[in-house]
Amino acid sequence: MVSPQAGISSAAAPAFAAVTLCLANCLFMQYRKNSRSADIANAVTTAFVGLTQDAAAVVVFMQGPVVNPERQKLYHQVTFLMLPAGYTGVAIFLLFILVSGLSEEL
């Protein structure tokens, strides 16, 4: 069955991604008692990506039952410009965490 509300159906994926990023960030920060600088940088970057997902969900939800081309364009700008950069930052900091953990063991 197709939902008559275009905004709700389009906002579900970014909203779910924002919630899971927030939960992952909370679990990640509670893993160690003494957080390293790489952990904090990763938490900040993940929070930025989560807020970007929230912004994308709000923008697409505000378009209402009919697809608004201006809001759809803004949603695509937020999604396809900000998210690749954010996820690249998260990946770089995860590699930094991996390297700092290996150097601590050696």
Protein backbone atom coordinates (compact mmCIF):
# COMPACT_ATOMS: atom_id res chain seq x y z
CA MET A 1 0.00 0.00 0.00
CA VAL A 2 1.36 3.43 -0.95
CA SER A 3 1.33 6.10 1.72
CA PRO A 4 -0.44 9.31 0.71
CA GLN A 5 2.07 11.29 2.75
CA ALA A 6 5.25 11.67 0.67
CA GLY A 7 7.11 13.40 3.50
CA ILE A 8 6.63 10.64 6.06
CA SER A 9 7.67 7.84 3.75
CA SER A 10 10.78 9.73 2.61
CA ALA A 11 11.79 10.84 6.13
CA ALA A 12 11.76 7.35 7.64
CA ALA A 13 15.21 6.27 6.41
CA PRO A 14 17.18 9.38 7.48
CA ALA A 15 15.38 9.48 10.83
CA PHE A 16 16.21 5.82 11.48
CA ALA A 17 19.84 6.44 10.46
CA ALA A 18 20.07 9.37 12.89
CA VAL A 19 18.72 7.27 15.77
CA THR A 20 21.10 4.39 15.07
CA LEU A 21 24.07 6.76 14.79
CA CYS A 22 23.14 8.29 18.15
CA LEU A 23 22.90 4.86 19.77
CA ALA A 24 26.19 3.74 18.23
CA ASN A 25 27.85 6.92 19.45
CA CYS A 26 26.56 6.39 23.01
CA LEU A 27 27.75 2.78 23.06
CA PHE A 28 31.10 3.70 21.59
CA MET A 29 31.79 6.40 24.19
CA GLN A 30 30.87 4.07 27.07
CA TYR A 31 33.27 1.35 25.90
CA ARG A 32 36.37 2.77 27.62
CA LYS A 33 36.67 4.58 30.91
CA ASN A 34 39.44 6.86 29.62
CA SER A 35 38.59 8.00 26.12
CA ARG A 36 41.39 8.73 23.69
CA SER A 37 41.46 11.77 21.46
CA ALA A 38 40.56 9.57 18.48
CA ASP A 39 37.44 8.35 20.34
CA ILE A 40 36.32 11.91 21.03
CA ALA A 41 36.99 13.02 17.44
CA ASN A 42 35.01 10.05 16.15
CA ALA A 43 32.14 10.88 18.51
CA VAL A 44 32.04 14.47 17.29
CA THR A 45 32.13 13.40 13.64
CA THR A 46 29.43 10.78 14.19
CA ALA A 47 27.27 13.35 15.99
CA PHE A 48 27.71 15.69 13.00
CA VAL A 49 26.59 12.97 10.60
CA GLY A 50 23.61 12.20 12.86
CA LEU A 51 22.58 15.85 12.95
CA THR A 52 22.89 15.99 9.17
CA GLN A 53 20.59 12.97 8.93
CA ASP A 54 18.16 14.70 11.29
CA ALA A 55 18.23 17.83 9.12
CA ALA A 56 17.58 15.74 6.01
CA ALA A 57 14.65 14.00 7.71
CA VAL A 58 13.12 17.29 8.84
CA VAL A 59 13.51 18.89 5.40
CA VAL A 60 11.89 15.99 3.58
CA PHE A 61 9.16 15.64 6.23
CA MET A 62 8.19 19.31 5.86
CA GLN A 63 7.26 18.86 2.22
CA GLY A 64 3.89 17.40 3.18
CA PRO A 65 1.64 15.04 1.25
CA VAL A 66 2.65 16.39 -2.17
CA VAL A 67 6.27 16.41 -3.33
CA ASN A 68 7.56 19.98 -3.22
CA PRO A 69 10.39 20.42 -5.76
CA GLU A 70 12.19 23.09 -3.69
CA ARG A 71 12.23 20.96 -0.54
CA GLN A 72 13.21 17.89 -2.56
CA LYS A 73 16.14 19.83 -4.04
CA LEU A 74 17.25 20.92 -0.56
CA TYR A 75 16.95 17.33 0.68
CA HIS A 76 19.13 16.10 -2.19
CA GLN A 77 21.72 18.80 -1.46
CA VAL A 78 21.92 17.84 2.20
CA THR A 79 21.97 14.12 1.44
CA PHE A 80 24.39 13.99 -1.45
CA LEU A 81 26.80 16.75 -0.42
CA MET A 82 27.10 16.48 3.35
CA LEU A 83 26.71 12.77 4.04
CA PRO A 84 29.60 11.43 1.93
CA ALA A 85 31.94 13.89 3.61
CA GLY A 86 30.60 12.96 7.04
CA TYR A 87 30.90 9.23 6.53
CA THR A 88 34.43 9.70 5.13
CA GLY A 89 35.33 11.58 8.31
CA VAL A 90 33.91 8.79 10.46
CA ALA A 91 35.90 6.21 8.51
CA ILE A 92 39.13 8.18 8.87
CA PHE A 93 38.68 8.52 12.62
CA LEU A 94 37.85 4.81 12.93
CA LEU A 95 41.15 4.05 11.20
CA PHE A 96 42.85 6.46 13.60
CA ILE A 97 41.29 4.58 16.53
CA LEU A 98 42.50 1.28 15.10
CA VAL A 99 46.05 2.59 14.65
CA SER A 100 46.16 4.15 18.12
CA GLY A 101 44.97 0.85 19.64
CA LEU A 102 47.64 -1.09 17.78
CA SER A 103 50.36 1.35 18.80
CA GLU A 104 49.26 1.12 22.44
CA GLU A 105 49.60 -2.68 22.36
CA LEU A 106 53.08 -2.52 20.87
